C-alpha atoms as a PDB file:
ATOM      1  CA  MET A   1       0.000   0.000   0.000  1.00  0.00           C
ATOM      2  CA  THR A   2       1.353   3.444  -0.857  1.00  0.00           C
ATOM      3  CA  ALA A   3       1.139   6.339   1.547  1.00  0.00           C
ATOM      4  CA  VAL A   4      -1.116   9.245   0.636  1.00  0.00           C
ATOM      5  CA  GLU A   5       0.518  12.621   1.020  1.00  0.00           C
ATOM      6  CA  ALA A   6      -1.395  15.203   3.057  1.00  0.00           C
ATOM      7  CA  THR A   7      -2.191  18.593   1.558  1.00  0.00           C
ATOM      8  CA  SER A   8      -2.505  21.860   3.487  1.00  0.00           C
ATOM      9  CA  HIS A   9      -5.900  23.574   3.424  1.00  0.00           C
ATOM     10  CA  ARG A  10      -6.639  27.054   4.798  1.00  0.00           C
ATOM     11  CA  LEU A  11      -9.981  27.102   6.605  1.00  0.00           C
ATOM     12  CA  GLY A  12     -10.266  30.755   7.567  1.00  0.00           C
ATOM     13  CA  PRO A  13      -9.601  32.837  10.681  1.00  0.00           C
ATOM     14  CA  VAL A  14      -8.790  30.978  13.910  1.00  0.00           C
ATOM     15  CA  ASP A  15     -11.495  33.062  15.613  1.00  0.00           C
ATOM     16  CA  GLU A  16     -14.149  31.149  13.625  1.00  0.00           C
ATOM     17  CA  VAL A  17     -13.684  28.458  16.281  1.00  0.00           C
ATOM     18  CA  PRO A  18     -14.369  29.905  19.752  1.00  0.00           C
ATOM     19  CA  VAL A  19     -12.075  28.823  22.594  1.00  0.00           C
ATOM     20  CA  GLY A  20     -13.416  25.629  24.172  1.00  0.00           C
ATOM     21  CA  GLU A  21     -15.526  24.670  21.147  1.00  0.00           C
ATOM     22  CA  GLY A  22     -15.356  22.846  17.833  1.00  0.00           C
ATOM     23  CA  ARG A  23     -16.534  23.575  14.315  1.00  0.00           C
ATOM     24  CA  SER A  24     -17.013  21.340  11.305  1.00  0.00           C
ATOM     25  CA  PHE A  25     -15.476  22.108   7.913  1.00  0.00           C
ATOM     26  CA  ALA A  26     -15.752  20.404   4.526  1.00  0.00           C
ATOM     27  CA  VAL A  27     -12.180  19.837   3.365  1.00  0.00           C
ATOM     28  CA  ALA A  28     -11.115  17.895   0.269  1.00  0.00           C
ATOM     29  CA  GLY A  29     -14.144  15.613   0.403  1.00  0.00           C
ATOM     30  CA  GLU A  30     -13.825  15.038   4.164  1.00  0.00           C
ATOM     31  CA  GLN A  31     -15.824  16.432   7.075  1.00  0.00           C
ATOM     32  CA  VAL A  32     -13.222  17.692   9.565  1.00  0.00           C
ATOM     33  CA  ALA A  33     -13.954  18.849  13.124  1.00  0.00           C
ATOM     34  CA  VAL A  34     -11.502  21.472  14.385  1.00  0.00           C
ATOM     35  CA  PHE A  35     -11.313  22.080  18.131  1.00  0.00           C
ATOM     36  CA  ARG A  36      -9.806  25.128  19.827  1.00  0.00           C
ATOM     37  CA  LEU A  37      -8.927  23.937  23.318  1.00  0.00           C
ATOM     38  CA  ARG A  38      -9.109  26.088  26.419  1.00  0.00           C
ATOM     39  CA  ASP A  39      -5.302  26.114  26.622  1.00  0.00           C
ATOM     40  CA  GLY A  40      -5.165  27.574  23.101  1.00  0.00           C
ATOM     41  CA  GLY A  41      -4.188  24.305  21.416  1.00  0.00           C
ATOM     42  CA  LEU A  42      -5.778  23.164  18.182  1.00  0.00           C
ATOM     43  CA  ARG A  43      -6.852  19.602  17.347  1.00  0.00           C
ATOM     44  CA  ALA A  44      -8.710  18.098  14.385  1.00  0.00           C
ATOM     45  CA  THR A  45     -10.578  14.831  13.847  1.00  0.00           C
ATOM     46  CA  HIS A  46     -13.010  13.369  11.378  1.00  0.00           C
ATOM     47  CA  ALA A  47     -16.270  15.213  12.118  1.00  0.00           C
ATOM     48  CA  VAL A  48     -18.601  12.208  12.187  1.00  0.00           C
ATOM     49  CA  CYS A  49     -18.762   9.685  15.037  1.00  0.00           C
ATOM     50  CA  PRO A  50     -18.370   6.152  13.613  1.00  0.00           C
ATOM     51  CA  HIS A  51     -20.881   4.755  16.132  1.00  0.00           C
ATOM     52  CA  ALA A  52     -24.055   6.475  14.939  1.00  0.00           C
ATOM     53  CA  GLY A  53     -23.014   9.475  12.839  1.00  0.00           C
ATOM     54  CA  GLY A  54     -23.034  12.025  15.652  1.00  0.00           C
ATOM     55  CA  PRO A  55     -21.535  15.499  15.090  1.00  0.00           C
ATOM     56  CA  LEU A  56     -18.197  15.403  16.931  1.00  0.00           C
ATOM     57  CA  ALA A  57     -17.667  19.158  16.466  1.00  0.00           C
ATOM     58  CA  ASP A  58     -20.618  19.637  18.862  1.00  0.00           C
ATOM     59  CA  GLY A  59     -19.073  17.355  21.493  1.00  0.00           C
ATOM     60  CA  GLN A  60     -17.496  18.270  24.811  1.00  0.00           C
ATOM     61  CA  THR A  61     -13.696  18.441  24.839  1.00  0.00           C
ATOM     62  CA  ASP A  62     -10.897  18.496  27.331  1.00  0.00           C
ATOM     63  CA  ALA A  63      -7.152  18.496  26.679  1.00  0.00           C
ATOM     64  CA  ALA A  64      -7.175  14.819  25.701  1.00  0.00           C
ATOM     65  CA  LYS A  65     -10.520  13.835  24.146  1.00  0.00           C
ATOM     66  CA  VAL A  66     -13.796  14.778  22.493  1.00  0.00           C
ATOM     67  CA  VAL A  67     -17.054  13.142  23.613  1.00  0.00           C
ATOM     68  CA  CYS A  68     -19.783  12.567  21.028  1.00  0.00           C
ATOM     69  CA  PRO A  69     -22.967  14.403  22.035  1.00  0.00           C
ATOM     70  CA  LEU A  70     -25.261  11.552  20.933  1.00  0.00           C
ATOM     71  CA  HIS A  71     -24.153   8.507  22.918  1.00  0.00           C
ATOM     72  CA  GLY A  72     -21.094   9.559  24.926  1.00  0.00           C
ATOM     73  CA  TYR A  73     -18.345   7.800  22.989  1.00  0.00           C
ATOM     74  CA  GLY A  74     -15.021   9.517  23.701  1.00  0.00           C
ATOM     75  CA  PHE A  75     -12.184   9.794  21.195  1.00  0.00           C
ATOM     76  CA  SER A  76      -8.545  10.638  21.844  1.00  0.00           C
ATOM     77  CA  LEU A  77      -7.552  13.889  20.191  1.00  0.00           C
ATOM     78  CA  ALA A  78      -4.014  12.506  19.823  1.00  0.00           C
ATOM     79  CA  ASP A  79      -4.663   9.294  17.889  1.00  0.00           C
ATOM     80  CA  GLY A  80      -8.441   8.991  17.372  1.00  0.00           C
ATOM     81  CA  ALA A  81      -8.819   5.846  19.500  1.00  0.00           C
ATOM     82  CA  CYS A  82     -12.143   5.427  21.265  1.00  0.00           C
ATOM     83  CA  VAL A  83     -11.673   5.557  25.033  1.00  0.00           C
ATOM     84  CA  ASN A  84     -14.764   3.387  25.699  1.00  0.00           C
ATOM     85  CA  GLY A  85     -15.294   1.161  22.690  1.00  0.00           C
ATOM     86  CA  GLY A  86     -13.909  -0.382  19.535  1.00  0.00           C
ATOM     87  CA  PHE A  87     -14.194   2.620  17.226  1.00  0.00           C
ATOM     88  CA  THR A  88     -11.588   5.065  15.927  1.00  0.00           C
ATOM     89  CA  VAL A  89     -11.735   8.384  14.110  1.00  0.00           C
ATOM     90  CA  ARG A  90      -9.139   9.841  11.818  1.00  0.00           C
ATOM     91  CA  VAL A  91      -7.062  12.692  13.226  1.00  0.00           C
ATOM     92  CA  PHE A  92      -5.534  15.486  11.191  1.00  0.00           C
ATOM     93  CA  ALA A  93      -2.618  17.838  11.778  1.00  0.00           C
ATOM     94  CA  VAL A  94      -3.876  21.380  12.361  1.00  0.00           C
ATOM     95  CA  ARG A  95      -2.069  24.615  13.123  1.00  0.00           C
ATOM     96  CA  GLU A  96      -2.442  28.375  13.200  1.00  0.00           C
ATOM     97  CA  GLU A  97      -0.566  30.243  10.500  1.00  0.00           C
ATOM     98  CA  ALA A  98      -0.777  34.054  10.313  1.00  0.00           C
ATOM     99  CA  GLY A  99      -4.082  33.990  12.219  1.00  0.00           C
ATOM    100  CA  GLU A 100      -5.644  31.339   9.993  1.00  0.00           C
ATOM    101  CA  LEU A 101      -6.490  27.683  10.582  1.00  0.00           C
ATOM    102  CA  VAL A 102      -4.506  25.285   8.404  1.00  0.00           C
ATOM    103  CA  VAL A 103      -5.353  21.578   8.358  1.00  0.00           C
ATOM    104  CA  GLU A 104      -3.486  18.729   6.644  1.00  0.00           C
ATOM    105  CA  VAL A 105      -5.828  16.327   4.811  1.00  0.00           C
END
């Protein structure tokens, strides 16, 4: 299997995602949830919970995980592993560049 190279995508101003919340973006055919943590860090995951299609961008976050608002499945923001089940979500590199969100998909 060959590796797929990630491409940088500018999503807009960092302020579009309030501190402590997440927002969903359509990026290169993917739904990506970007989270702006209370400590100022940025994290990004696939935006759809694999359990029942819940909107992860609407979930509660802490420094380590996001919890799906539908059924409470938690996913590591570091590697996408489910903390209470057999599911995983894809994680994406995300950063701030000149005041804008940039995600690698």
